[in-house]
Amino acid sequence: MLADRRKGERRQVSKSDIRIESYGTIDELNSFIGLLGDSIQDEHSKTILKEIQDRLFTIGSSLASDPDKAPQMKIPDLKEEDVQLLEKEIDAMEKVLAPMKSFILPGGHIAVSTAHIARCVCRRAERICVNLKEKESVVEPLILKYLNRLSDYLFVLARYTGHLLNAEEIVWKPRI
């Protein structure tokens, strides 16, 4: 149980509370983004991943703030430009990638697999935040939009990283 103060009262909040789950998952995602940055060689992608880590700290801080109180410290805002940066990066990477003709499996190189793990954690964070919004209506819509685009960015980054490493994509061949 964690202490939570609302309206001058002290109440206990379970560690399984959806708000704690939301920012805990963002923290987990941020850690995997760090691992991904340590796994890749492309300096531009490393720089973008550092920017993403900064935005994830902003998101985590926002989610951790008591919605009934003004935050004690100024939390930087997430901006539409942050989403636009992800979209710009996706477009740039897709210019050098072959079009997808089938589903691909994560793998082929540790950096590719790490990007896919980060993508999956990002999707989970997005689902948890949607659930939080539906239950408490306190999640900024831009957070949901950013997480959605971030998971797409991570998918394309996985493919792009594989391309730079000459790692063959593993095509899913369904059992018949």
C-alpha atoms as a PDB file:
ATOM      1  CA  MET A   1       0.000   0.000   0.000  1.00  0.00           C
ATOM      2  CA  LEU A   2       1.189   3.485  -0.798  1.00  0.00           C
ATOM      3  CA  ALA A   3       0.102   6.630   0.981  1.00  0.00           C
ATOM      4  CA  ASP A   4      -1.966   9.103  -1.019  1.00  0.00           C
ATOM      5  CA  ARG A   5      -3.104  12.490   0.258  1.00  0.00           C
ATOM      6  CA  ARG A   6      -6.288  13.917  -1.223  1.00  0.00           C
ATOM      7  CA  LYS A   7      -8.195  16.922   0.088  1.00  0.00           C
ATOM      8  CA  GLY A   8      -6.141  16.951   3.264  1.00  0.00           C
ATOM      9  CA  GLU A   9      -6.915  13.326   4.037  1.00  0.00           C
ATOM     10  CA  ARG A  10      -4.522  10.451   3.995  1.00  0.00           C
ATOM     11  CA  ARG A  11      -5.635   7.277   2.279  1.00  0.00           C
ATOM     12  CA  GLN A  12      -3.898   4.090   1.261  1.00  0.00           C
ATOM     13  CA  VAL A  13      -3.543   3.230  -2.409  1.00  0.00           C
ATOM     14  CA  SER A  14      -2.770  -0.322  -3.466  1.00  0.00           C
ATOM     15  CA  LYS A  15       0.372  -0.907  -5.495  1.00  0.00           C
ATOM     16  CA  SER A  16      -1.978  -2.548  -8.000  1.00  0.00           C
ATOM     17  CA  ASP A  17      -3.914   0.717  -8.430  1.00  0.00           C
ATOM     18  CA  ILE A  18      -4.331   1.443 -12.141  1.00  0.00           C
ATOM     19  CA  ARG A  19      -2.655   4.862 -11.822  1.00  0.00           C
ATOM     20  CA  ILE A  20       0.441   3.281 -10.271  1.00  0.00           C
ATOM     21  CA  GLU A  21       0.321   0.556 -12.925  1.00  0.00           C
ATOM     22  CA  SER A  22       0.219   3.240 -15.646  1.00  0.00           C
ATOM     23  CA  TYR A  23       3.309   5.161 -14.594  1.00  0.00           C
ATOM     24  CA  GLY A  24       5.115   1.980 -13.571  1.00  0.00           C
ATOM     25  CA  THR A  25       4.643   0.646 -17.095  1.00  0.00           C
ATOM     26  CA  ILE A  26       5.878   3.937 -18.547  1.00  0.00           C
ATOM     27  CA  ASP A  27       8.971   3.556 -16.349  1.00  0.00           C
ATOM     28  CA  GLU A  28       9.446  -0.016 -17.629  1.00  0.00           C
ATOM     29  CA  LEU A  29       9.101   1.260 -21.204  1.00  0.00           C
ATOM     30  CA  ASN A  30      11.666   3.976 -20.517  1.00  0.00           C
ATOM     31  CA  SER A  31      14.099   1.324 -19.271  1.00  0.00           C
ATOM     32  CA  PHE A  32      13.650  -0.757 -22.415  1.00  0.00           C
ATOM     33  CA  ILE A  33      14.144   2.368 -24.538  1.00  0.00           C
ATOM     34  CA  GLY A  34      17.449   2.864 -22.692  1.00  0.00           C
ATOM     35  CA  LEU A  35      18.433  -0.743 -23.411  1.00  0.00           C
ATOM     36  CA  LEU A  36      17.472  -0.264 -27.049  1.00  0.00           C
ATOM     37  CA  GLY A  37      19.628   2.860 -27.258  1.00  0.00           C
ATOM     38  CA  ASP A  38      22.536   0.865 -25.835  1.00  0.00           C
ATOM     39  CA  SER A  39      21.914  -1.903 -28.415  1.00  0.00           C
ATOM     40  CA  ILE A  40      21.911   0.120 -31.621  1.00  0.00           C
ATOM     41  CA  GLN A  41      24.735   1.807 -33.504  1.00  0.00           C
ATOM     42  CA  ASP A  42      22.878   4.525 -35.446  1.00  0.00           C
ATOM     43  CA  GLU A  43      23.679   7.837 -33.723  1.00  0.00           C
ATOM     44  CA  HIS A  44      20.603   9.638 -35.048  1.00  0.00           C
ATOM     45  CA  SER A  45      18.318   6.940 -33.654  1.00  0.00           C
ATOM     46  CA  LYS A  46      20.153   7.075 -30.319  1.00  0.00           C
ATOM     47  CA  THR A  47      19.497  10.830 -30.175  1.00  0.00           C
ATOM     48  CA  ILE A  48      15.792  10.353 -30.913  1.00  0.00           C
ATOM     49  CA  LEU A  49      15.563   7.638 -28.264  1.00  0.00           C
ATOM     50  CA  LYS A  50      17.031  10.048 -25.685  1.00  0.00           C
ATOM     51  CA  GLU A  51      14.334  12.567 -26.648  1.00  0.00           C
ATOM     52  CA  ILE A  52      11.715   9.843 -26.253  1.00  0.00           C
ATOM     53  CA  GLN A  53      13.062   8.995 -22.795  1.00  0.00           C
ATOM     54  CA  ASP A  54      12.641  12.641 -21.808  1.00  0.00           C
ATOM     55  CA  ARG A  55       9.034  12.626 -23.062  1.00  0.00           C
ATOM     56  CA  LEU A  56       8.360   9.392 -21.168  1.00  0.00           C
ATOM     57  CA  PHE A  57       9.558  11.070 -17.963  1.00  0.00           C
ATOM     58  CA  THR A  58       7.080  13.860 -18.681  1.00  0.00           C
ATOM     59  CA  ILE A  59       4.295  11.325 -19.253  1.00  0.00           C
ATOM     60  CA  GLY A  60       5.189   9.365 -16.119  1.00  0.00           C
ATOM     61  CA  SER A  61       5.226  12.543 -14.037  1.00  0.00           C
ATOM     62  CA  SER A  62       1.840  13.545 -15.405  1.00  0.00           C
ATOM     63  CA  LEU A  63       0.351  10.127 -14.668  1.00  0.00           C
ATOM     64  CA  ALA A  64       1.847  10.085 -11.154  1.00  0.00           C
ATOM     65  CA  SER A  65       0.395  13.483 -10.255  1.00  0.00           C
ATOM     66  CA  ASP A  66      -2.712  13.535  -8.112  1.00  0.00           C
ATOM     67  CA  PRO A  67      -5.435  14.820 -10.469  1.00  0.00           C
ATOM     68  CA  ASP A  68      -7.205  16.523  -7.545  1.00  0.00           C
ATOM     69  CA  LYS A  69      -4.188  18.663  -6.653  1.00  0.00           C
ATOM     70  CA  ALA A  70      -1.881  21.056  -8.416  1.00  0.00           C
ATOM     71  CA  PRO A  71       1.567  19.496  -8.790  1.00  0.00           C
ATOM     72  CA  GLN A  72       4.188  20.701  -6.307  1.00  0.00           C
ATOM     73  CA  MET A  73       6.719  21.073  -9.097  1.00  0.00           C
ATOM     74  CA  LYS A  74       6.277  22.240 -12.665  1.00  0.00           C
ATOM     75  CA  ILE A  75       5.945  19.285 -15.025  1.00  0.00           C
ATOM     76  CA  PRO A  76       6.930  19.989 -18.648  1.00  0.00           C
ATOM     77  CA  ASP A  77       4.098  19.611 -21.101  1.00  0.00           C
ATOM     78  CA  LEU A  78       3.869  17.023 -23.827  1.00  0.00           C
ATOM     79  CA  LYS A  79       3.311  18.851 -27.117  1.00  0.00           C
ATOM     80  CA  GLU A  80       1.797  18.005 -30.479  1.00  0.00           C
ATOM     81  CA  GLU A  81       5.299  18.612 -31.914  1.00  0.00           C
ATOM     82  CA  ASP A  82       6.469  15.548 -29.967  1.00  0.00           C
ATOM     83  CA  VAL A  83       3.985  13.399 -31.902  1.00  0.00           C
ATOM     84  CA  GLN A  84       4.992  15.104 -35.146  1.00  0.00           C
ATOM     85  CA  LEU A  85       8.656  14.256 -34.486  1.00  0.00           C
ATOM     86  CA  LEU A  86       7.757  10.565 -34.242  1.00  0.00           C
ATOM     87  CA  GLU A  87       5.764  10.763 -37.473  1.00  0.00           C
ATOM     88  CA  LYS A  88       8.647  12.535 -39.258  1.00  0.00           C
ATOM     89  CA  GLU A  89      11.079   9.862 -38.075  1.00  0.00           C
ATOM     90  CA  ILE A  90       8.737   7.062 -39.181  1.00  0.00           C
ATOM     91  CA  ASP A  91       8.439   8.621 -42.645  1.00  0.00           C
ATOM     92  CA  ALA A  92      12.223   9.018 -42.971  1.00  0.00           C
ATOM     93  CA  MET A  93      12.928   5.402 -42.003  1.00  0.00           C
ATOM     94  CA  GLU A  94      10.180   4.022 -44.237  1.00  0.00           C
ATOM     95  CA  LYS A  95      11.782   5.711 -47.267  1.00  0.00           C
ATOM     96  CA  VAL A  96      14.688   3.244 -47.110  1.00  0.00           C
ATOM     97  CA  LEU A  97      12.692   0.142 -46.122  1.00  0.00           C
ATOM     98  CA  ALA A  98      11.122  -2.324 -48.500  1.00  0.00           C
ATOM     99  CA  PRO A  99       7.338  -2.376 -48.252  1.00  0.00           C
ATOM    100  CA  MET A 100       5.999  -5.073 -45.954  1.00  0.00           C
ATOM    101  CA  LYS A 101       4.348  -7.923 -47.809  1.00  0.00           C
ATOM    102  CA  SER A 102       3.745 -10.208 -44.846  1.00  0.00           C
ATOM    103  CA  PHE A 103       3.835 -10.273 -41.081  1.00  0.00           C
ATOM    104  CA  ILE A 104       7.289 -10.428 -39.540  1.00  0.00           C
ATOM    105  CA  LEU A 105       8.427 -12.045 -36.325  1.00  0.00           C
ATOM    106  CA  PRO A 106      10.609 -10.257 -33.791  1.00  0.00           C
ATOM    107  CA  GLY A 107      14.205 -11.407 -34.060  1.00  0.00           C
ATOM    108  CA  GLY A 108      17.223 -11.503 -36.314  1.00  0.00           C
ATOM    109  CA  HIS A 109      19.418  -9.393 -34.040  1.00  0.00           C
ATOM    110  CA  ILE A 110      19.372  -8.453 -30.351  1.00  0.00           C
ATOM    111  CA  ALA A 111      18.742  -4.781 -31.193  1.00  0.00           C
ATOM    112  CA  VAL A 112      15.770  -5.706 -33.403  1.00  0.00           C
ATOM    113  CA  SER A 113      14.322  -7.924 -30.682  1.00  0.00           C
ATOM    114  CA  THR A 114      14.844  -5.201 -28.068  1.00  0.00           C
ATOM    115  CA  ALA A 115      12.951  -2.706 -30.239  1.00  0.00           C
ATOM    116  CA  HIS A 116      10.072  -5.178 -30.492  1.00  0.00           C
ATOM    117  CA  ILE A 117      10.034  -5.696 -26.716  1.00  0.00           C
ATOM    118  CA  ALA A 118       9.888  -1.910 -26.242  1.00  0.00           C
ATOM    119  CA  ARG A 119       7.038  -1.774 -28.785  1.00  0.00           C
ATOM    120  CA  CYS A 120       5.070  -4.401 -26.856  1.00  0.00           C
ATOM    121  CA  VAL A 121       5.592  -2.629 -23.527  1.00  0.00           C
ATOM    122  CA  CYS A 122       4.520   0.624 -25.203  1.00  0.00           C
ATOM    123  CA  ARG A 123       1.292  -1.001 -26.431  1.00  0.00           C
ATOM    124  CA  ARG A 124       0.628  -2.290 -22.904  1.00  0.00           C
ATOM    125  CA  ALA A 125       1.251   1.192 -21.480  1.00  0.00           C
ATOM    126  CA  GLU A 126      -1.205   2.602 -24.002  1.00  0.00           C
ATOM    127  CA  ARG A 127      -3.870   0.028 -23.032  1.00  0.00           C
ATOM    128  CA  ILE A 128      -3.388   0.757 -19.331  1.00  0.00           C
ATOM    129  CA  CYS A 129      -3.650   4.505 -19.926  1.00  0.00           C
ATOM    130  CA  VAL A 130      -6.833   4.030 -21.971  1.00  0.00           C
ATOM    131  CA  ASN A 131      -8.234   1.948 -19.104  1.00  0.00           C
ATOM    132  CA  LEU A 132      -7.218   4.668 -16.622  1.00  0.00           C
ATOM    133  CA  LYS A 133      -8.922   7.327 -18.744  1.00  0.00           C
ATOM    134  CA  GLU A 134     -12.092   5.240 -18.979  1.00  0.00           C
ATOM    135  CA  LYS A 135     -12.146   4.717 -15.202  1.00  0.00           C
ATOM    136  CA  GLU A 136     -11.009   8.129 -13.955  1.00  0.00           C
ATOM    137  CA  SER A 137     -11.060  10.446 -17.020  1.00  0.00           C
ATOM    138  CA  VAL A 138      -7.733  12.042 -16.054  1.00  0.00           C
ATOM    139  CA  VAL A 139      -5.349  11.036 -18.842  1.00  0.00           C
ATOM    140  CA  GLU A 140      -4.448  13.758 -21.301  1.00  0.00           C
ATOM    141  CA  PRO A 141      -5.530  12.725 -24.831  1.00  0.00           C
ATOM    142  CA  LEU A 142      -2.088  13.734 -26.146  1.00  0.00           C
ATOM    143  CA  ILE A 143      -0.492  11.066 -23.923  1.00  0.00           C
ATOM    144  CA  LEU A 144      -2.605   8.400 -25.614  1.00  0.00           C
ATOM    145  CA  LYS A 145      -1.790   9.770 -29.052  1.00  0.00           C
ATOM    146  CA  TYR A 146       1.927   9.902 -28.257  1.00  0.00           C
ATOM    147  CA  LEU A 147       2.020   6.319 -26.973  1.00  0.00           C
ATOM    148  CA  ASN A 148       0.137   5.120 -30.050  1.00  0.00           C
ATOM    149  CA  ARG A 149       2.594   6.790 -32.412  1.00  0.00           C
ATOM    150  CA  LEU A 150       5.549   5.714 -30.276  1.00  0.00           C
ATOM    151  CA  SER A 151       4.648   2.043 -30.674  1.00  0.00           C
ATOM    152  CA  ASP A 152       4.470   2.550 -34.437  1.00  0.00           C
ATOM    153  CA  TYR A 153       7.841   4.318 -34.328  1.00  0.00           C
ATOM    154  CA  LEU A 154       9.363   1.411 -32.399  1.00  0.00           C
ATOM    155  CA  PHE A 155       8.041  -1.099 -34.944  1.00  0.00           C
ATOM    156  CA  VAL A 156       9.551   0.858 -37.821  1.00  0.00           C
ATOM    157  CA  LEU A 157      12.764   1.381 -35.843  1.00  0.00           C
ATOM    158  CA  ALA A 158      13.010  -2.396 -35.377  1.00  0.00           C
ATOM    159  CA  ARG A 159      12.776  -2.866 -39.139  1.00  0.00           C
ATOM    160  CA  TYR A 160      15.155   0.033 -39.835  1.00  0.00           C
ATOM    161  CA  THR A 161      17.710  -1.261 -37.343  1.00  0.00           C
ATOM    162  CA  GLY A 162      17.559  -4.683 -38.989  1.00  0.00           C
ATOM    163  CA  HIS A 163      18.059  -3.004 -42.366  1.00  0.00           C
ATOM    164  CA  LEU A 164      21.150  -1.127 -41.120  1.00  0.00           C
ATOM    165  CA  LEU A 165      22.549  -4.350 -39.646  1.00  0.00           C
ATOM    166  CA  ASN A 166      21.742  -6.404 -42.754  1.00  0.00           C
ATOM    167  CA  ALA A 167      19.672  -8.688 -40.527  1.00  0.00           C
ATOM    168  CA  GLU A 168      17.122 -10.584 -42.528  1.00  0.00           C
ATOM    169  CA  GLU A 169      13.513 -10.063 -41.464  1.00  0.00           C
ATOM    170  CA  ILE A 170      11.901 -13.239 -40.203  1.00  0.00           C
ATOM    171  CA  VAL A 171       8.714 -13.695 -42.188  1.00  0.00           C
ATOM    172  CA  TRP A 172       5.854 -15.353 -40.359  1.00  0.00           C
ATOM    173  CA  LYS A 173       4.871 -18.529 -42.180  1.00  0.00           C
ATOM    174  CA  PRO A 174       1.613 -19.699 -40.619  1.00  0.00           C
ATOM    175  CA  ARG A 175       1.139 -23.395 -40.131  1.00  0.00           C
ATOM    176  CA  ILE A 176      -1.423 -24.792 -42.512  1.00  0.00           C
END
